[in-house]
Protein backbone atom coordinates (compact mmCIF):
# COMPACT_ATOMS: atom_id res chain seq x y z
CA MET A 1 -22.32 26.70 28.98
CA ALA A 2 -24.25 28.20 26.06
CA THR A 3 -22.92 30.99 23.86
CA ALA A 4 -25.12 32.70 21.27
CA TYR A 5 -23.64 34.51 18.29
CA LEU A 6 -26.02 37.26 17.14
CA LYS A 7 -26.24 38.78 13.67
CA THR A 8 -26.34 42.58 13.89
CA ASP A 9 -25.80 45.51 11.53
CA GLU A 10 -22.32 45.95 12.99
CA GLY A 11 -21.38 42.30 12.56
CA VAL A 12 -21.58 39.36 14.95
CA LYS A 13 -21.90 39.80 18.70
CA THR A 14 -21.70 37.18 21.46
CA LEU A 15 -24.10 36.60 24.31
CA GLN A 16 -23.58 34.23 27.23
CA LEU A 17 -26.88 32.55 28.02
CA THR A 18 -27.96 31.42 31.43
CA ARG A 19 -31.30 30.16 30.13
CA ILE A 20 -31.87 28.78 26.65
CA VAL A 21 -35.40 30.22 26.52
CA GLU A 22 -33.82 33.66 26.32
CA LEU A 23 -32.29 32.88 22.92
CA PRO A 24 -32.66 35.96 20.67
CA LYS A 25 -34.12 35.61 17.22
CA GLU A 26 -30.95 37.12 15.69
CA THR A 27 -28.92 34.08 16.78
CA ILE A 28 -27.08 32.48 13.86
CA TRP A 29 -24.87 30.16 15.89
CA LEU A 30 -25.58 28.56 19.25
CA ASP A 31 -22.54 26.88 20.79
CA LEU A 32 -23.27 24.41 23.61
CA LEU A 33 -20.18 23.44 25.61
CA GLN A 34 -20.75 20.58 28.07
CA PRO A 35 -24.53 21.10 28.16
CA SER A 36 -26.47 19.66 31.04
CA SER A 37 -29.55 17.51 30.60
CA ASP A 38 -31.69 20.53 31.46
CA ASP A 39 -30.00 22.59 28.76
CA GLU A 40 -30.61 19.82 26.24
CA ARG A 41 -34.32 19.64 27.10
CA LEU A 42 -34.70 23.44 26.88
CA VAL A 43 -33.04 23.53 23.46
CA GLU A 44 -35.25 20.71 22.22
CA THR A 45 -38.36 22.48 23.51
CA PHE A 46 -37.48 26.02 22.46
CA LEU A 47 -35.81 25.37 19.10
CA GLY A 48 -37.62 22.21 18.11
CA VAL A 49 -34.45 20.21 17.44
CA GLU A 50 -33.20 17.03 19.04
CA VAL A 51 -29.98 17.53 21.01
CA PRO A 52 -27.98 14.28 21.09
CA THR A 53 -26.38 13.02 24.27
CA GLU A 54 -22.64 12.40 24.61
CA GLN A 55 -23.20 8.65 24.16
CA GLU A 56 -25.22 9.21 20.96
CA ILE A 57 -22.52 11.46 19.53
CA GLU A 58 -19.87 8.76 19.98
CA GLU A 59 -21.71 6.21 17.81
CA ILE A 60 -19.72 5.29 14.70
CA GLU A 61 -22.27 4.14 12.11
CA ASP A 62 -23.07 6.63 9.35
CA SER A 63 -26.79 6.55 10.02
CA SER A 64 -26.14 7.89 13.53
CA ARG A 65 -23.50 10.44 12.57
CA PHE A 66 -25.04 11.97 9.42
CA TYR A 67 -28.79 12.23 8.88
CA HIS A 68 -31.77 14.55 8.25
CA LYS A 69 -34.55 15.11 10.77
CA ASN A 70 -37.23 17.83 11.07
CA ARG A 71 -35.63 20.12 8.45
CA GLY A 72 -32.34 19.84 10.29
CA ILE A 73 -29.09 18.26 9.16
CA TYR A 74 -27.23 16.39 11.91
CA LEU A 75 -23.47 16.01 11.47
CA THR A 76 -20.77 14.57 13.74
CA VAL A 77 -17.14 15.69 13.38
CA SER A 78 -14.10 14.11 15.05
CA LEU A 79 -11.60 16.71 16.26
CA LEU A 80 -8.15 16.25 17.77
CA THR A 81 -7.65 17.69 21.24
CA HIS A 82 -4.92 17.84 23.91
CA LEU A 83 -2.24 18.29 21.26
CA ASP A 84 -0.14 20.51 23.54
CA ALA A 85 -0.25 17.94 26.34
CA GLY A 86 1.54 15.34 24.25
CA GLN A 87 -1.35 12.88 24.58
CA PRO A 88 -3.66 13.71 21.67
CA SER A 89 -7.12 12.20 21.54
CA SER A 90 -10.15 12.63 19.33
CA THR A 91 -13.45 14.06 20.47
CA ASP A 92 -16.77 14.05 18.62
CA VAL A 93 -18.70 17.27 18.03
CA ARG A 94 -22.30 17.31 16.81
CA PHE A 95 -23.51 20.05 14.45
CA ILE A 96 -27.19 20.68 13.87
CA LEU A 97 -27.73 22.77 10.75
CA THR A 98 -31.14 24.41 10.36
CA PRO A 99 -32.36 27.05 7.86
CA ASN A 100 -31.99 29.82 10.47
CA ARG A 101 -29.04 28.87 12.64
CA LEU A 102 -26.20 26.48 13.38
CA ILE A 103 -26.10 24.60 16.70
CA SER A 104 -22.92 22.91 17.93
CA VAL A 105 -22.83 20.43 20.82
CA ARG A 106 -19.43 19.59 22.26
CA TYR A 107 -17.97 18.38 25.52
CA VAL A 108 -14.29 19.36 25.14
CA GLU A 109 -12.65 22.67 24.31
CA SER A 110 -10.81 22.56 20.97
CA LYS A 111 -8.62 24.82 18.87
CA PRO A 112 -10.87 25.17 15.76
CA PHE A 113 -13.72 26.51 17.87
CA ARG A 114 -11.50 29.10 19.55
CA ILE A 115 -10.18 30.28 16.19
CA PHE A 116 -13.59 30.29 14.52
CA SER A 117 -15.15 32.19 17.41
CA ASN A 118 -12.60 35.00 17.00
CA ARG A 119 -12.86 34.91 13.22
CA ILE A 120 -16.64 35.13 13.04
CA LEU A 121 -16.61 38.16 15.30
CA ARG A 122 -14.34 39.98 12.84
CA ASP A 123 -15.83 38.74 9.55
CA ARG A 124 -19.17 40.26 8.60
CA GLU A 125 -19.59 37.95 5.60
CA ALA A 126 -19.60 34.95 7.90
CA SER A 127 -23.00 36.02 9.25
CA GLU A 128 -24.85 35.67 5.96
CA SER A 129 -26.54 32.31 6.55
CA SER A 130 -26.26 29.14 8.60
CA ASP A 131 -24.91 27.03 5.73
CA ILE A 132 -22.09 29.52 5.10
CA ILE A 133 -21.21 29.42 8.80
CA MET A 134 -21.16 25.63 8.66
CA GLU A 135 -19.01 25.62 5.53
CA ARG A 136 -16.54 28.08 7.06
CA MET A 137 -16.33 25.99 10.23
CA LEU A 138 -15.63 22.85 8.21
CA GLU A 139 -13.03 24.74 6.18
CA LEU A 140 -11.27 25.70 9.41
CA VAL A 141 -11.38 22.09 10.63
CA VAL A 142 -9.84 20.90 7.35
CA ASP A 143 -7.12 23.56 7.62
CA ASP A 144 -6.39 22.48 11.19
CA LEU A 145 -6.12 18.84 10.09
CA ALA A 146 -3.76 19.89 7.32
CA ASP A 147 -1.54 21.71 9.83
CA ILE A 148 -1.56 18.67 12.11
CA LEU A 149 -0.55 16.36 9.27
CA GLU A 150 2.19 18.77 8.16
CA GLU A 151 3.64 18.74 11.67
CA ALA A 152 3.25 14.97 11.74
CA ALA A 153 5.23 14.69 8.50
CA LEU A 154 8.09 16.69 10.05
CA ASN A 155 8.10 14.41 13.09
CA VAL A 156 8.14 11.33 10.85
CA ASP A 157 11.16 12.76 9.02
CA ARG A 158 12.87 13.34 12.36
CA LEU A 159 12.19 9.77 13.43
CA ALA A 160 13.47 8.43 10.11
CA ARG A 161 16.71 10.41 10.37
CA LYS A 162 17.18 9.30 13.96
CA VAL A 163 16.67 5.64 13.13
CA PHE A 164 18.39 5.31 9.76
CA PHE A 165 21.06 7.99 9.62
CA SER A 166 21.97 8.47 13.28
CA THR A 167 22.25 4.72 13.79
CA ALA A 168 24.48 4.26 10.77
CA HIS A 169 27.61 4.88 12.87
CA ASP A 170 27.45 2.80 16.03
CA HIS A 171 23.95 4.12 16.82
CA THR A 172 25.14 7.57 17.91
CA ALA A 173 22.99 10.65 17.79
CA GLU A 174 23.70 13.50 15.39
CA ASP A 175 24.63 16.01 18.09
CA GLU A 176 25.73 13.65 20.84
CA SER A 177 28.16 10.80 21.27
CA GLU A 178 25.81 8.73 23.40
CA PRO A 179 24.31 5.63 21.78
CA ILE A 180 20.64 5.59 20.86
CA ASP A 181 18.43 3.22 22.82
CA LEU A 182 16.42 1.43 20.15
CA LYS A 183 13.96 0.15 22.74
CA GLU A 184 13.15 3.74 23.71
CA MET A 185 12.82 4.50 20.02
CA ILE A 186 10.11 1.84 19.76
CA THR A 187 8.19 3.57 22.56
CA GLU A 188 8.53 6.94 20.83
CA ILE A 189 7.47 5.51 17.49
CA GLY A 190 4.50 3.80 19.17
CA ARG A 191 3.32 7.05 20.75
CA PHE A 192 3.66 8.89 17.48
CA GLY A 193 1.90 6.05 15.66
CA GLU A 194 -1.09 6.57 17.96
CA PHE A 195 -1.04 10.27 17.12
CA VAL A 196 -1.04 9.55 13.37
CA SER A 197 -3.86 7.03 13.86
CA GLU A 198 -5.99 9.63 15.67
CA ALA A 199 -5.32 12.19 12.93
CA ARG A 200 -6.10 9.62 10.26
CA LEU A 201 -9.40 8.77 11.98
CA SER A 202 -10.38 12.46 12.03
CA VAL A 203 -9.54 12.82 8.34
CA PHE A 204 -11.54 9.73 7.40
CA ASN A 205 -14.54 10.96 9.39
CA MET A 206 -14.35 14.39 7.76
CA ASN A 207 -14.25 12.71 4.35
CA ARG A 208 -17.43 10.78 5.18
CA LEU A 209 -19.10 13.98 6.38
CA LEU A 210 -18.25 15.96 3.25
CA ILE A 211 -19.43 13.13 1.01
CA PHE A 212 -22.76 13.17 2.87
CA LEU A 213 -23.09 16.95 2.56
CA SER A 214 -22.12 16.97 -1.12
CA GLN A 215 -24.94 14.51 -1.82
CA THR A 216 -27.45 16.54 0.20
CA SER A 217 -30.00 18.64 -1.67
CA VAL A 218 -31.41 21.51 0.42
CA LYS A 219 -33.32 24.44 -1.08
CA TRP A 220 -32.32 26.99 1.56
CA TRP A 221 -28.59 26.66 0.90
CA GLN A 222 -26.71 29.49 -0.78
CA PRO A 223 -25.89 28.90 -4.50
CA ASP A 224 -22.13 28.59 -3.99
CA THR A 225 -22.28 26.39 -0.87
CA ARG A 226 -22.20 23.13 -2.80
CA ALA A 227 -19.22 24.32 -4.90
CA ARG A 228 -17.30 25.19 -1.73
CA LEU A 229 -18.10 21.78 -0.28
CA GLN A 230 -16.71 20.13 -3.41
CA THR A 231 -13.48 22.08 -2.93
CA LEU A 232 -13.29 20.94 0.69
CA LEU A 233 -13.95 17.37 -0.43
CA ARG A 234 -11.01 17.48 -2.83
CA ASP A 235 -8.80 18.89 -0.08
CA ILE A 236 -9.80 16.25 2.45
CA ARG A 237 -9.23 13.47 -0.08
CA SER A 238 -5.66 14.68 -0.55
CA LEU A 239 -5.27 14.73 3.25
CA THR A 240 -6.64 11.19 3.38
CA GLU A 241 -3.93 9.99 1.02
CA HIS A 242 -1.28 11.87 2.99
CA ALA A 243 -2.49 10.43 6.31
CA THR A 244 -2.38 6.92 4.83
CA PHE A 245 1.16 7.56 3.60
CA LEU A 246 2.25 8.75 7.06
CA ALA A 247 0.70 5.71 8.74
CA ASN A 248 2.50 3.37 6.34
CA ARG A 249 5.76 5.20 6.87
CA VAL A 250 5.48 4.97 10.65
CA ASN A 251 4.90 1.22 10.32
CA PHE A 252 7.97 0.99 8.07
CA ILE A 253 10.11 2.85 10.63
CA LEU A 254 8.81 0.60 13.39
CA ASP A 255 9.62 -2.54 11.37
CA ALA A 256 13.09 -1.17 10.59
CA THR A 257 13.74 -0.44 14.27
CA LEU A 258 12.67 -3.95 15.24
CA GLY A 259 14.96 -5.32 12.54
CA MET A 260 17.88 -3.32 13.92
CA ILE A 261 17.21 -4.67 17.39
CA ASN A 262 17.26 -8.20 15.97
CA ILE A 263 20.55 -7.45 14.22
CA GLU A 264 22.08 -6.18 17.46
CA GLN A 265 20.88 -9.27 19.30
CA ASN A 266 22.26 -11.52 16.57
CA LYS A 267 25.62 -9.79 16.84
CA ILE A 268 25.74 -10.50 20.57
CA ILE A 269 24.73 -14.13 20.05
CA LYS A 270 27.37 -14.47 17.29
CA ILE A 271 30.09 -13.18 19.62
CA PHE A 272 29.18 -15.74 22.26
CA SER A 273 29.00 -18.49 19.64
CA VAL A 274 32.44 -17.63 18.25
CA ALA A 275 33.89 -17.41 21.76
CA ALA A 276 32.48 -20.84 22.56
CA VAL A 277 33.98 -22.34 19.37
CA VAL A 278 37.38 -20.65 19.97
CA PHE A 279 37.69 -21.95 23.51
CA LEU A 280 36.31 -25.42 22.76
CA PRO A 281 39.64 -27.01 21.49
CA PRO A 282 41.71 -25.65 24.42
CA THR A 283 39.04 -26.91 26.80
CA LEU A 284 39.19 -30.33 25.15
CA ILE A 285 42.99 -30.49 25.53
CA ALA A 286 42.83 -29.36 29.15
CA SER A 287 40.11 -31.95 29.86
CA ILE A 288 42.17 -34.77 28.35
CA TYR A 289 45.23 -34.02 30.47
CA GLY A 290 43.17 -33.46 33.55
CA MET A 291 41.79 -37.03 33.69
CA ASN A 292 44.64 -38.29 36.01
CA PHE A 293 44.85 -41.82 34.65
CA HIS A 294 47.90 -43.78 35.89
CA HIS A 295 49.15 -44.80 32.45
CA MET A 296 49.45 -41.44 30.69
CA PRO A 297 53.01 -41.10 29.30
CA GLU A 298 52.68 -37.36 28.66
CA LEU A 299 52.38 -36.77 32.42
CA GLN A 300 56.01 -37.83 32.81
CA TRP A 301 57.39 -35.53 30.13
CA VAL A 302 59.64 -32.70 31.29
CA PHE A 303 58.16 -30.31 28.73
CA GLY A 304 54.64 -31.72 28.94
CA TYR A 305 53.14 -28.70 30.70
CA PRO A 306 54.51 -26.00 28.34
CA LEU A 307 53.61 -28.24 25.38
CA SER A 308 50.01 -28.53 26.52
CA ILE A 309 49.85 -24.76 27.03
CA ALA A 310 51.19 -24.22 23.53
CA LEU A 311 48.67 -26.66 22.11
CA MET A 312 45.82 -24.86 23.82
CA VAL A 313 46.99 -21.46 22.53
CA ILE A 314 47.37 -22.77 18.99
CA ALA A 315 43.97 -24.47 19.19
CA ALA A 316 42.41 -21.15 20.19
CA VAL A 317 44.29 -18.90 17.74
CA LEU A 318 43.68 -20.99 14.61
CA PRO A 319 39.84 -20.85 14.79
CA TYR A 320 40.00 -17.13 15.60
CA PHE A 321 42.02 -16.30 12.49
CA TYR A 322 39.83 -18.61 10.41
CA PHE A 323 36.67 -16.78 11.52
CA LYS A 324 38.39 -13.44 10.98
CA ARG A 325 39.36 -14.40 7.43
CA ARG A 326 35.83 -15.52 6.61
CA GLY A 327 34.46 -12.21 7.87
CA TRP A 328 32.42 -13.74 10.68
CA LEU A 329 33.95 -11.36 13.24
């Protein structure tokens, strides 16, 4: 599907295109969503730009994600999608910036594009030039990443409180009396760790993109475009540090949860070890008097049975109180 955004005296208007060859000259932004191979060939023929395939967009080396070709600047941005579904993933979007228009090639619907589409239709200043449109789109992507990281920070705080504070009293939740399953916590932390990793990857990629653009010298850019890009670069660098901090904190929470599981397992093993030591002397006494040898004088005693029972009880009680005094129980 191809959507053209046209610059008019009344602002920006949209036009759904069935054929790329019908692209009006007033187009300042051409948005290609899941373009077919025929659409790609028509764009390349009609606009004189090379439209990358989905496989080419997914390449990770800088030379394939950011480069100049035929007066066009080719940029690849990683965006987070499927956030509402609980299984976030990153998708790559290719921007082709030319002196006359901006072309976007994407294969998944995403939130920044929906917001920017509504915003550009209301903002007349956004239709000034292609570089301003690109800068405003990147600004919206950075803002969206900031919102994602802010929400991620809240979730990390929730996980930390659940692990450290809720487990401080017999691993009970703050609003419930049921114990917390630390194994389920590991699964939850793992899922959230993947989310933070995807967000961190998007932030790193945006940082690389802005560094490339800030070092680009193009005559047809507006005078204040480079200054705005420097502001975005400072913002994304702060987000990079924050994303790194969140990733390290998630790893710390995961290590702490694993440590708590080891402590719980050690407690169980200690109980069995103490029980084995407590019952070892009584078992030894019972084994001695259960050998049934003919010459065993204690077998003829009238009080032999109650004496052996008393010995076994004493042999069990003394180690128990010793362990209790040493604080091993």
